[in-house]
């Protein structure tokens, strides 16, 4: 399954990665997504290095599930766009 994590470089995003790794969640392709200031950063997940992609230009049609771990303002702006292409799990308070 293809997964994206929006806010991957923040505390909640890193914790999401930790839980996915601990639970041995089956992932075929992982996309780490964040703001432009984090683009290009590298994060290790299950022994493999991943490069952070830009949220503004990310193509959500590449994934089946997107975890939003970046706060309410980001969810407000991008979650509905993502939901047109994939399942969205939002960890912010915006849609509560």
PDB file of N, CA and C in Angstrom:
ATOM      1  N   UNK A   1       0.848  -1.169   0.000  1.00  0.00           N
ATOM      2  CA  UNK A   1       0.000   0.000   0.000  1.00  0.00           C
ATOM      3  C   UNK A   1       0.899   1.240   0.000  1.00  0.00           C
ATOM      4  N   UNK A   2       0.491   2.258  -0.744  1.00  0.00           N
ATOM      5  CA  UNK A   2       1.229   3.516  -0.801  1.00  0.00           C
ATOM      6  C   UNK A   2       0.671   4.478   0.241  1.00  0.00           C
ATOM      7  N   UNK A   3       1.573   5.061   1.033  1.00  0.00           N
ATOM      8  CA  UNK A   3       1.211   5.910   2.161  1.00  0.00           C
ATOM      9  C   UNK A   3       1.942   7.244   2.053  1.00  0.00           C
ATOM     10  N   UNK A   4       1.262   8.332   2.459  1.00  0.00           N
ATOM     11  CA  UNK A   4       1.910   9.639   2.596  1.00  0.00           C
ATOM     12  C   UNK A   4       1.711  10.124   4.023  1.00  0.00           C
ATOM     13  N   UNK A   5       2.705  10.837   4.520  1.00  0.00           N
ATOM     14  CA  UNK A   5       2.587  11.479   5.823  1.00  0.00           C
ATOM     15  C   UNK A   5       2.879  12.955   5.628  1.00  0.00           C
ATOM     16  N   UNK A   6       1.847  13.771   5.826  1.00  0.00           N
ATOM     17  CA  UNK A   6       1.981  15.225   5.729  1.00  0.00           C
ATOM     18  C   UNK A   6       2.400  15.729   7.105  1.00  0.00           C
ATOM     19  N   UNK A   7       3.494  16.464   7.132  1.00  0.00           N
ATOM     20  CA  UNK A   7       4.045  16.912   8.405  1.00  0.00           C
ATOM     21  C   UNK A   7       5.058  15.919   8.938  1.00  0.00           C
ATOM     22  N   UNK A   8       5.680  15.185   8.045  1.00  0.00           N
ATOM     23  CA  UNK A   8       6.580  14.096   8.424  1.00  0.00           C
ATOM     24  C   UNK A   8       7.788  14.547   9.231  1.00  0.00           C
ATOM     25  N   UNK A   9       8.201  15.792   9.096  1.00  0.00           N
ATOM     26  CA  UNK A   9       9.393  16.248   9.808  1.00  0.00           C
ATOM     27  C   UNK A   9       9.098  16.768  11.210  1.00  0.00           C
ATOM     28  N   UNK A  10       7.834  16.930  11.544  1.00  0.00           N
ATOM     29  CA  UNK A  10       7.459  17.422  12.875  1.00  0.00           C
ATOM     30  C   UNK A  10       7.352  16.287  13.879  1.00  0.00           C
ATOM     31  N   UNK A  11       7.088  16.657  15.118  1.00  0.00           N
ATOM     32  CA  UNK A  11       7.003  15.666  16.201  1.00  0.00           C
ATOM     33  C   UNK A  11       5.905  14.633  15.965  1.00  0.00           C
ATOM     34  N   UNK A  12       4.723  15.090  15.545  1.00  0.00           N
ATOM     35  CA  UNK A  12       3.605  14.165  15.329  1.00  0.00           C
ATOM     36  C   UNK A  12       3.883  13.270  14.120  1.00  0.00           C
ATOM     37  N   UNK A  13       4.460  13.825  13.086  1.00  0.00           N
ATOM     38  CA  UNK A  13       4.811  13.034  11.909  1.00  0.00           C
ATOM     39  C   UNK A  13       5.826  11.959  12.224  1.00  0.00           C
ATOM     40  N   UNK A  14       6.840  12.313  12.987  1.00  0.00           N
ATOM     41  CA  UNK A  14       7.857  11.326  13.372  1.00  0.00           C
ATOM     42  C   UNK A  14       7.260  10.244  14.279  1.00  0.00           C
ATOM     43  N   UNK A  15       6.336  10.630  15.138  1.00  0.00           N
ATOM     44  CA  UNK A  15       5.677   9.646  15.997  1.00  0.00           C
ATOM     45  C   UNK A  15       4.803   8.716  15.152  1.00  0.00           C
ATOM     46  N   UNK A  16       4.154   9.261  14.143  1.00  0.00           N
ATOM     47  CA  UNK A  16       3.359   8.435  13.224  1.00  0.00           C
ATOM     48  C   UNK A  16       4.246   7.402  12.547  1.00  0.00           C
ATOM     49  N   UNK A  17       5.403   7.834  12.084  1.00  0.00           N
ATOM     50  CA  UNK A  17       6.363   6.906  11.474  1.00  0.00           C
ATOM     51  C   UNK A  17       6.792   5.823  12.468  1.00  0.00           C
ATOM     52  N   UNK A  18       7.040   6.231  13.692  1.00  0.00           N
ATOM     53  CA  UNK A  18       7.451   5.289  14.731  1.00  0.00           C
ATOM     54  C   UNK A  18       6.376   4.224  14.969  1.00  0.00           C
ATOM     55  N   UNK A  19       5.122   4.647  15.037  1.00  0.00           N
ATOM     56  CA  UNK A  19       4.021   3.706  15.262  1.00  0.00           C
ATOM     57  C   UNK A  19       3.866   2.765  14.065  1.00  0.00           C
ATOM     58  N   UNK A  20       3.944   3.311  12.851  1.00  0.00           N
ATOM     59  CA  UNK A  20       3.828   2.471  11.649  1.00  0.00           C
ATOM     60  C   UNK A  20       4.936   1.420  11.607  1.00  0.00           C
ATOM     61  N   UNK A  21       6.138   1.818  12.006  1.00  0.00           N
ATOM     62  CA  UNK A  21       7.254   0.868  12.016  1.00  0.00           C
ATOM     63  C   UNK A  21       7.075  -0.181  13.102  1.00  0.00           C
ATOM     64  N   UNK A  22       6.675   0.253  14.284  1.00  0.00           N
ATOM     65  CA  UNK A  22       6.493  -0.668  15.408  1.00  0.00           C
ATOM     66  C   UNK A  22       5.394  -1.689  15.111  1.00  0.00           C
ATOM     67  N   UNK A  23       4.325  -1.244  14.474  1.00  0.00           N
ATOM     68  CA  UNK A  23       3.198  -2.126  14.160  1.00  0.00           C
ATOM     69  C   UNK A  23       3.430  -2.935  12.878  1.00  0.00           C
ATOM     70  N   UNK A  24       4.583  -2.721  12.234  1.00  0.00           N
ATOM     71  CA  UNK A  24       4.934  -3.421  11.000  1.00  0.00           C
ATOM     72  C   UNK A  24       3.853  -3.260   9.932  1.00  0.00           C
ATOM     73  N   UNK A  25       3.352  -2.026   9.823  1.00  0.00           N
ATOM     74  CA  UNK A  25       2.341  -1.680   8.825  1.00  0.00           C
ATOM     75  C   UNK A  25       2.915  -1.928   7.435  1.00  0.00           C
ATOM     76  N   UNK A  26       2.177  -2.620   6.602  1.00  0.00           N
ATOM     77  CA  UNK A  26       2.650  -2.956   5.258  1.00  0.00           C
ATOM     78  C   UNK A  26       2.625  -1.725   4.347  1.00  0.00           C
ATOM     79  N   UNK A  27       3.803  -1.297   3.905  1.00  0.00           N
ATOM     80  CA  UNK A  27       3.928  -0.117   3.050  1.00  0.00           C
ATOM     81  C   UNK A  27       4.760  -0.470   1.829  1.00  0.00           C
ATOM     82  N   UNK A  28       4.182  -0.223   0.653  1.00  0.00           N
ATOM     83  CA  UNK A  28       4.928  -0.439  -0.585  1.00  0.00           C
ATOM     84  C   UNK A  28       5.772   0.791  -0.920  1.00  0.00           C
ATOM     85  N   UNK A  29       5.122   1.949  -0.932  1.00  0.00           N
ATOM     86  CA  UNK A  29       5.808   3.209  -1.207  1.00  0.00           C
ATOM     87  C   UNK A  29       5.419   4.216  -0.142  1.00  0.00           C
ATOM     88  N   UNK A  30       6.424   4.856   0.435  1.00  0.00           N
ATOM     89  CA  UNK A  30       6.206   5.849   1.484  1.00  0.00           C
ATOM     90  C   UNK A  30       6.617   7.213   0.964  1.00  0.00           C
ATOM     91  N   UNK A  31       5.727   8.183   1.144  1.00  0.00           N
ATOM     92  CA  UNK A  31       6.000   9.561   0.732  1.00  0.00           C
ATOM     93  C   UNK A  31       5.948  10.435   1.972  1.00  0.00           C
ATOM     94  N   UNK A  32       7.041  11.101   2.246  1.00  0.00           N
ATOM     95  CA  UNK A  32       7.116  12.030   3.367  1.00  0.00           C
ATOM     96  C   UNK A  32       6.934  13.427   2.805  1.00  0.00           C
ATOM     97  N   UNK A  33       5.973  14.154   3.343  1.00  0.00           N
ATOM     98  CA  UNK A  33       5.552  15.425   2.759  1.00  0.00           C
ATOM     99  C   UNK A  33       5.580  16.499   3.842  1.00  0.00           C
ATOM    100  N   UNK A  34       6.056  17.695   3.473  1.00  0.00           N
ATOM    101  CA  UNK A  34       6.119  18.794   4.434  1.00  0.00           C
ATOM    102  C   UNK A  34       6.185  20.118   3.688  1.00  0.00           C
ATOM    103  N   UNK A  35       6.359  21.189   4.445  1.00  0.00           N
ATOM    104  CA  UNK A  35       6.449  22.522   3.851  1.00  0.00           C
ATOM    105  C   UNK A  35       7.741  22.666   3.054  1.00  0.00           C
ATOM    106  N   UNK A  36       7.810  23.715   2.258  1.00  0.00           N
ATOM    107  CA  UNK A  36       8.974  23.929   1.388  1.00  0.00           C
ATOM    108  C   UNK A  36      10.270  24.063   2.172  1.00  0.00           C
ATOM    109  N   UNK A  37      10.212  24.525   3.413  1.00  0.00           N
ATOM    110  CA  UNK A  37      11.454  24.652   4.180  1.00  0.00           C
ATOM    111  C   UNK A  37      12.035  23.307   4.612  1.00  0.00           C
ATOM    112  N   UNK A  38      11.247  22.246   4.535  1.00  0.00           N
ATOM    113  CA  UNK A  38      11.733  20.910   4.888  1.00  0.00           C
ATOM    114  C   UNK A  38      12.040  20.041   3.668  1.00  0.00           C
ATOM    115  N   UNK A  39      11.718  20.524   2.484  1.00  0.00           N
ATOM    116  CA  UNK A  39      11.948  19.743   1.259  1.00  0.00           C
ATOM    117  C   UNK A  39      13.422  19.381   1.143  1.00  0.00           C
ATOM    118  N   UNK A  40      13.658  18.124   0.819  1.00  0.00           N
ATOM    119  CA  UNK A  40      15.023  17.650   0.647  1.00  0.00           C
ATOM    120  C   UNK A  40      15.626  17.028   1.891  1.00  0.00           C
ATOM    121  N   UNK A  41      15.021  17.260   3.055  1.00  0.00           N
ATOM    122  CA  UNK A  41      15.518  16.621   4.272  1.00  0.00           C
ATOM    123  C   UNK A  41      15.373  15.118   4.119  1.00  0.00           C
ATOM    124  N   UNK A  42      16.209  14.394   4.818  1.00  0.00           N
ATOM    125  CA  UNK A  42      16.189  12.936   4.754  1.00  0.00           C
ATOM    126  C   UNK A  42      15.723  12.371   6.093  1.00  0.00           C
ATOM    127  N   UNK A  43      14.877  11.344   6.015  1.00  0.00           N
ATOM    128  CA  UNK A  43      14.392  10.653   7.204  1.00  0.00           C
ATOM    129  C   UNK A  43      14.549   9.153   6.966  1.00  0.00           C
ATOM    130  N   UNK A  44      15.039   8.461   7.980  1.00  0.00           N
ATOM    131  CA  UNK A  44      15.207   7.009   7.901  1.00  0.00           C
ATOM    132  C   UNK A  44      13.946   6.327   8.434  1.00  0.00           C
ATOM    133  N   UNK A  45      13.436   5.368   7.658  1.00  0.00           N
ATOM    134  CA  UNK A  45      12.284   4.568   8.069  1.00  0.00           C
ATOM    135  C   UNK A  45      12.552   3.127   7.667  1.00  0.00           C
ATOM    136  N   UNK A  46      12.529   2.226   8.634  1.00  0.00           N
ATOM    137  CA  UNK A  46      12.815   0.809   8.406  1.00  0.00           C
ATOM    138  C   UNK A  46      14.148   0.621   7.672  1.00  0.00           C
ATOM    139  N   UNK A  47      15.135   1.398   8.074  1.00  0.00           N
ATOM    140  CA  UNK A  47      16.477   1.252   7.517  1.00  0.00           C
ATOM    141  C   UNK A  47      16.683   1.861   6.147  1.00  0.00           C
ATOM    142  N   UNK A  48      15.670   2.497   5.601  1.00  0.00           N
ATOM    143  CA  UNK A  48      15.773   3.109   4.278  1.00  0.00           C
ATOM    144  C   UNK A  48      15.634   4.624   4.402  1.00  0.00           C
ATOM    145  N   UNK A  49      16.404   5.348   3.603  1.00  0.00           N
ATOM    146  CA  UNK A  49      16.376   6.809   3.630  1.00  0.00           C
ATOM    147  C   UNK A  49      15.323   7.334   2.652  1.00  0.00           C
ATOM    148  N   UNK A  50      14.504   8.262   3.145  1.00  0.00           N
ATOM    149  CA  UNK A  50      13.457   8.892   2.336  1.00  0.00           C
ATOM    150  C   UNK A  50      13.686  10.397   2.314  1.00  0.00           C
ATOM    151  N   UNK A  51      13.422  11.005   1.179  1.00  0.00           N
ATOM    152  CA  UNK A  51      13.563  12.449   1.035  1.00  0.00           C
ATOM    153  C   UNK A  51      12.191  13.109   1.128  1.00  0.00           C
ATOM    154  N   UNK A  52      12.126  14.214   1.827  1.00  0.00           N
ATOM    155  CA  UNK A  52      10.869  14.931   2.038  1.00  0.00           C
ATOM    156  C   UNK A  52      10.460  15.685   0.766  1.00  0.00           C
ATOM    157  N   UNK A  53       9.185  15.546   0.403  1.00  0.00           N
ATOM    158  CA  UNK A  53       8.596  16.206  -0.763  1.00  0.00           C
ATOM    159  C   UNK A  53       7.822  17.449  -0.337  1.00  0.00           C
ATOM    160  N   UNK A  54       7.580  18.330  -1.292  1.00  0.00           N
ATOM    161  CA  UNK A  54       6.869  19.585  -1.035  1.00  0.00           C
ATOM    162  C   UNK A  54       5.357  19.374  -1.042  1.00  0.00           C
ATOM    163  N   UNK A  55       4.695  19.788   0.017  1.00  0.00           N
ATOM    164  CA  UNK A  55       3.250  19.654   0.143  1.00  0.00           C
ATOM    165  C   UNK A  55       2.508  20.390  -0.962  1.00  0.00           C
ATOM    166  N   UNK A  56       2.949  21.571  -1.317  1.00  0.00           N
ATOM    167  CA  UNK A  56       2.259  22.391  -2.320  1.00  0.00           C
ATOM    168  C   UNK A  56       2.106  21.676  -3.661  1.00  0.00           C
ATOM    169  N   UNK A  57       3.072  20.846  -4.024  1.00  0.00           N
ATOM    170  CA  UNK A  57       3.043  20.201  -5.341  1.00  0.00           C
ATOM    171  C   UNK A  57       2.849  18.690  -5.277  1.00  0.00           C
ATOM    172  N   UNK A  58       2.581  18.149  -4.092  1.00  0.00           N
ATOM    173  CA  UNK A  58       2.458  16.698  -3.967  1.00  0.00           C
ATOM    174  C   UNK A  58       1.208  16.178  -4.673  1.00  0.00           C
ATOM    175  N   UNK A  59       1.364  15.059  -5.381  1.00  0.00           N
ATOM    176  CA  UNK A  59       0.275  14.406  -6.111  1.00  0.00           C
ATOM    177  C   UNK A  59      -0.334  13.304  -5.241  1.00  0.00           C
ATOM    178  N   UNK A  60      -1.452  13.593  -4.609  1.00  0.00           N
ATOM    179  CA  UNK A  60      -2.088  12.644  -3.698  1.00  0.00           C
ATOM    180  C   UNK A  60      -2.673  11.425  -4.411  1.00  0.00           C
ATOM    181  N   UNK A  61      -2.762  11.450  -5.724  1.00  0.00           N
ATOM    182  CA  UNK A  61      -3.277  10.281  -6.442  1.00  0.00           C
ATOM    183  C   UNK A  61      -2.286   9.110  -6.398  1.00  0.00           C
ATOM    184  N   UNK A  62      -1.071   9.345  -5.937  1.00  0.00           N
ATOM    185  CA  UNK A  62      -0.058   8.290  -5.842  1.00  0.00           C
ATOM    186  C   UNK A  62      -0.242   7.414  -4.613  1.00  0.00           C
ATOM    187  N   UNK A  63      -1.119   7.822  -3.684  1.00  0.00           N
ATOM    188  CA  UNK A  63      -1.221   7.100  -2.418  1.00  0.00           C
ATOM    189  C   UNK A  63      -2.644   6.632  -2.132  1.00  0.00           C
ATOM    190  N   UNK A  64      -2.725   5.630  -1.289  1.00  0.00           N
ATOM    191  CA  UNK A  64      -4.029   5.105  -0.862  1.00  0.00           C
ATOM    192  C   UNK A  64      -4.461   5.755   0.458  1.00  0.00           C
ATOM    193  N   UNK A  65      -3.496   6.030   1.338  1.00  0.00           N
ATOM    194  CA  UNK A  65      -3.787   6.651   2.632  1.00  0.00           C
ATOM    195  C   UNK A  65      -2.816   7.804   2.854  1.00  0.00           C
ATOM    196  N   UNK A  66      -3.348   8.931   3.336  1.00  0.00           N
ATOM    197  CA  UNK A  66      -2.511  10.050   3.758  1.00  0.00           C
ATOM    198  C   UNK A  66      -2.807  10.369   5.213  1.00  0.00           C
ATOM    199  N   UNK A  67      -1.764  10.357   6.018  1.00  0.00           N
ATOM    200  CA  UNK A  67      -1.857  10.769   7.412  1.00  0.00           C
ATOM    201  C   UNK A  67      -1.493  12.250   7.486  1.00  0.00           C
ATOM    202  N   UNK A  68      -2.379  13.064   8.034  1.00  0.00           N
ATOM    203  CA  UNK A  68      -2.086  14.483   8.235  1.00  0.00           C
ATOM    204  C   UNK A  68      -1.627  14.665   9.681  1.00  0.00           C
ATOM    205  N   UNK A  69      -0.395  15.129   9.842  1.00  0.00           N
ATOM    206  CA  UNK A  69       0.210  15.311  11.161  1.00  0.00           C
ATOM    207  C   UNK A  69       0.859  16.689  11.247  1.00  0.00           C
ATOM    208  N   UNK A  70       0.191  17.686  10.650  1.00  0.00           N
ATOM    209  CA  UNK A  70       0.817  19.003  10.530  1.00  0.00           C
ATOM    210  C   UNK A  70       0.004  20.137  11.146  1.00  0.00           C
ATOM    211  N   UNK A  71      -1.081  19.840  11.803  1.00  0.00           N
ATOM    212  CA  UNK A  71      -1.873  20.898  12.438  1.00  0.00           C
ATOM    213  C   UNK A  71      -3.090  21.294  11.633  1.00  0.00           C
ATOM    214  N   UNK A  72      -3.986  21.994  12.303  1.00  0.00           N
ATOM    215  CA  UNK A  72      -5.288  22.341  11.743  1.00  0.00           C
ATOM    216  C   UNK A  72      -5.256  23.210  10.502  1.00  0.00           C
ATOM    217  N   UNK A  73      -4.369  24.193  10.450  1.00  0.00           N
ATOM    218  CA  UNK A  73      -4.324  25.088   9.285  1.00  0.00           C
ATOM    219  C   UNK A  73      -3.913  24.341   8.016  1.00  0.00           C
ATOM    220  N   UNK A  74      -3.009  23.393   8.159  1.00  0.00           N
ATOM    221  CA  UNK A  74      -2.596  22.588   7.005  1.00  0.00           C
ATOM    222  C   UNK A  74      -3.721  21.654   6.592  1.00  0.00           C
ATOM    223  N   UNK A  75      -4.377  21.034   7.548  1.00  0.00           N
ATOM    224  CA  UNK A  75      -5.510  20.159   7.232  1.00  0.00           C
ATOM    225  C   UNK A  75      -6.625  20.941   6.560  1.00  0.00           C
ATOM    226  N   UNK A  76      -6.890  22.137   7.058  1.00  0.00           N
ATOM    227  CA  UNK A  76      -7.928  22.980   6.469  1.00  0.00           C
ATOM    228  C   UNK A  76      -7.644  23.243   4.990  1.00  0.00           C
ATOM    229  N   UNK A  77      -6.391  23.499   4.673  1.00  0.00           N
ATOM    230  CA  UNK A  77      -6.018  23.863   3.310  1.00  0.00           C
ATOM    231  C   UNK A  77      -5.859  22.664   2.378  1.00  0.00           C
ATOM    232  N   UNK A  78      -5.375  21.513   2.883  1.00  0.00           N
ATOM    233  CA  UNK A  78      -4.985  20.424   1.994  1.00  0.00           C
ATOM    234  C   UNK A  78      -5.754  19.106   2.154  1.00  0.00           C
ATOM    235  N   UNK A  79      -6.419  18.873   3.281  1.00  0.00           N
ATOM    236  CA  UNK A  79      -7.033  17.559   3.516  1.00  0.00           C
ATOM    237  C   UNK A  79      -8.140  17.234   2.519  1.00  0.00           C
ATOM    238  N   UNK A  80      -8.985  18.194   2.201  1.00  0.00           N
ATOM    239  CA  UNK A  80     -10.061  17.916   1.243  1.00  0.00           C
ATOM    240  C   UNK A  80      -9.512  17.658  -0.149  1.00  0.00           C
ATOM    241  N   UNK A  81      -8.458  18.362  -0.522  1.00  0.00           N
ATOM    242  CA  UNK A  81      -7.787  18.113  -1.808  1.00  0.00           C
ATOM    243  C   UNK A  81      -7.265  16.674  -1.841  1.00  0.00           C
ATOM    244  N   UNK A  82      -6.617  16.253  -0.768  1.00  0.00           N
ATOM    245  CA  UNK A  82      -6.089  14.891  -0.693  1.00  0.00           C
ATOM    246  C   UNK A  82      -7.211  13.864  -0.725  1.00  0.00           C
ATOM    247  N   UNK A  83      -8.315  14.153  -0.030  1.00  0.00           N
ATOM    248  CA  UNK A  83      -9.426  13.203   0.082  1.00  0.00           C
ATOM    249  C   UNK A  83     -10.110  12.919  -1.250  1.00  0.00           C
ATOM    250  N   UNK A  84      -9.878  13.736  -2.245  1.00  0.00           N
ATOM    251  CA  UNK A  84     -10.420  13.465  -3.581  1.00  0.00           C
ATOM    252  C   UNK A  84      -9.718  12.281  -4.223  1.00  0.00           C
ATOM    253  N   UNK A  85      -8.541  11.928  -3.708  1.00  0.00           N
ATOM    254  CA  UNK A  85      -7.724  10.875  -4.311  1.00  0.00           C
ATOM    255  C   UNK A  85      -7.401   9.709  -3.387  1.00  0.00           C
ATOM    256  N   UNK A  86      -7.551   9.898  -2.085  1.00  0.00           N
ATOM    257  CA  UNK A  86      -7.143   8.851  -1.152  1.00  0.00           C
ATOM    258  C   UNK A  86      -7.900   8.995   0.167  1.00  0.00           C
ATOM    259  N   UNK A  87      -7.736   8.018   1.020  1.00  0.00           N
ATOM    260  CA  UNK A  87      -8.281   8.068   2.367  1.00  0.00           C
ATOM    261  C   UNK A  87      -7.405   9.009   3.197  1.00  0.00           C
ATOM    262  N   UNK A  88      -8.020   9.903   3.945  1.00  0.00           N
ATOM    263  CA  UNK A  88      -7.279  10.849   4.783  1.00  0.00           C
ATOM    264  C   UNK A  88      -7.537  10.538   6.250  1.00  0.00           C
ATOM    265  N   UNK A  89      -6.454  10.439   7.008  1.00  0.00           N
ATOM    266  CA  UNK A  89      -6.541  10.312   8.457  1.00  0.00           C
ATOM    267  C   UNK A  89      -5.898  11.558   9.022  1.00  0.00           C
ATOM    268  N   UNK A  90      -6.712  12.402   9.634  1.00  0.00           N
ATOM    269  CA  UNK A  90      -6.267  13.708  10.108  1.00  0.00           C
ATOM    270  C   UNK A  90      -6.053  13.687  11.612  1.00  0.00           C
ATOM    271  N   UNK A  91      -4.850  14.036  12.033  1.00  0.00           N
ATOM    272  CA  UNK A  91      -4.513  14.039  13.442  1.00  0.00           C
ATOM    273  C   UNK A  91      -4.662  15.423  14.075  1.00  0.00           C
ATOM    274  N   UNK A  92      -5.226  16.363  13.348  1.00  0.00           N
ATOM    275  CA  UNK A  92      -5.415  17.712  13.888  1.00  0.00           C
ATOM    276  C   UNK A  92      -6.819  17.830  14.484  1.00  0.00           C
ATOM    277  N   UNK A  93      -7.097  18.988  15.020  1.00  0.00           N
ATOM    278  CA  UNK A  93      -8.420  19.223  15.594  1.00  0.00           C
ATOM    279  C   UNK A  93      -9.389  19.821  14.577  1.00  0.00           C
ATOM    280  N   UNK A  94      -8.933  20.079  13.368  1.00  0.00           N
ATOM    281  CA  UNK A  94      -9.744  20.829  12.409  1.00  0.00           C
ATOM    282  C   UNK A  94     -11.067  20.156  12.070  1.00  0.00           C
ATOM    283  N   UNK A  95     -11.084  18.847  11.868  1.00  0.00           N
ATOM    284  CA  UNK A  95     -12.313  18.159  11.441  1.00  0.00           C
ATOM    285  C   UNK A  95     -13.056  17.487  12.592  1.00  0.00           C
ATOM    286  N   UNK A  96     -12.679  17.762  13.808  1.00  0.00           N
ATOM    287  CA  UNK A  96     -13.383  17.154  14.952  1.00  0.00           C
ATOM    288  C   UNK A  96     -14.741  17.740  15.122  1.00  0.00           C
TER     289      UNK A  96
END
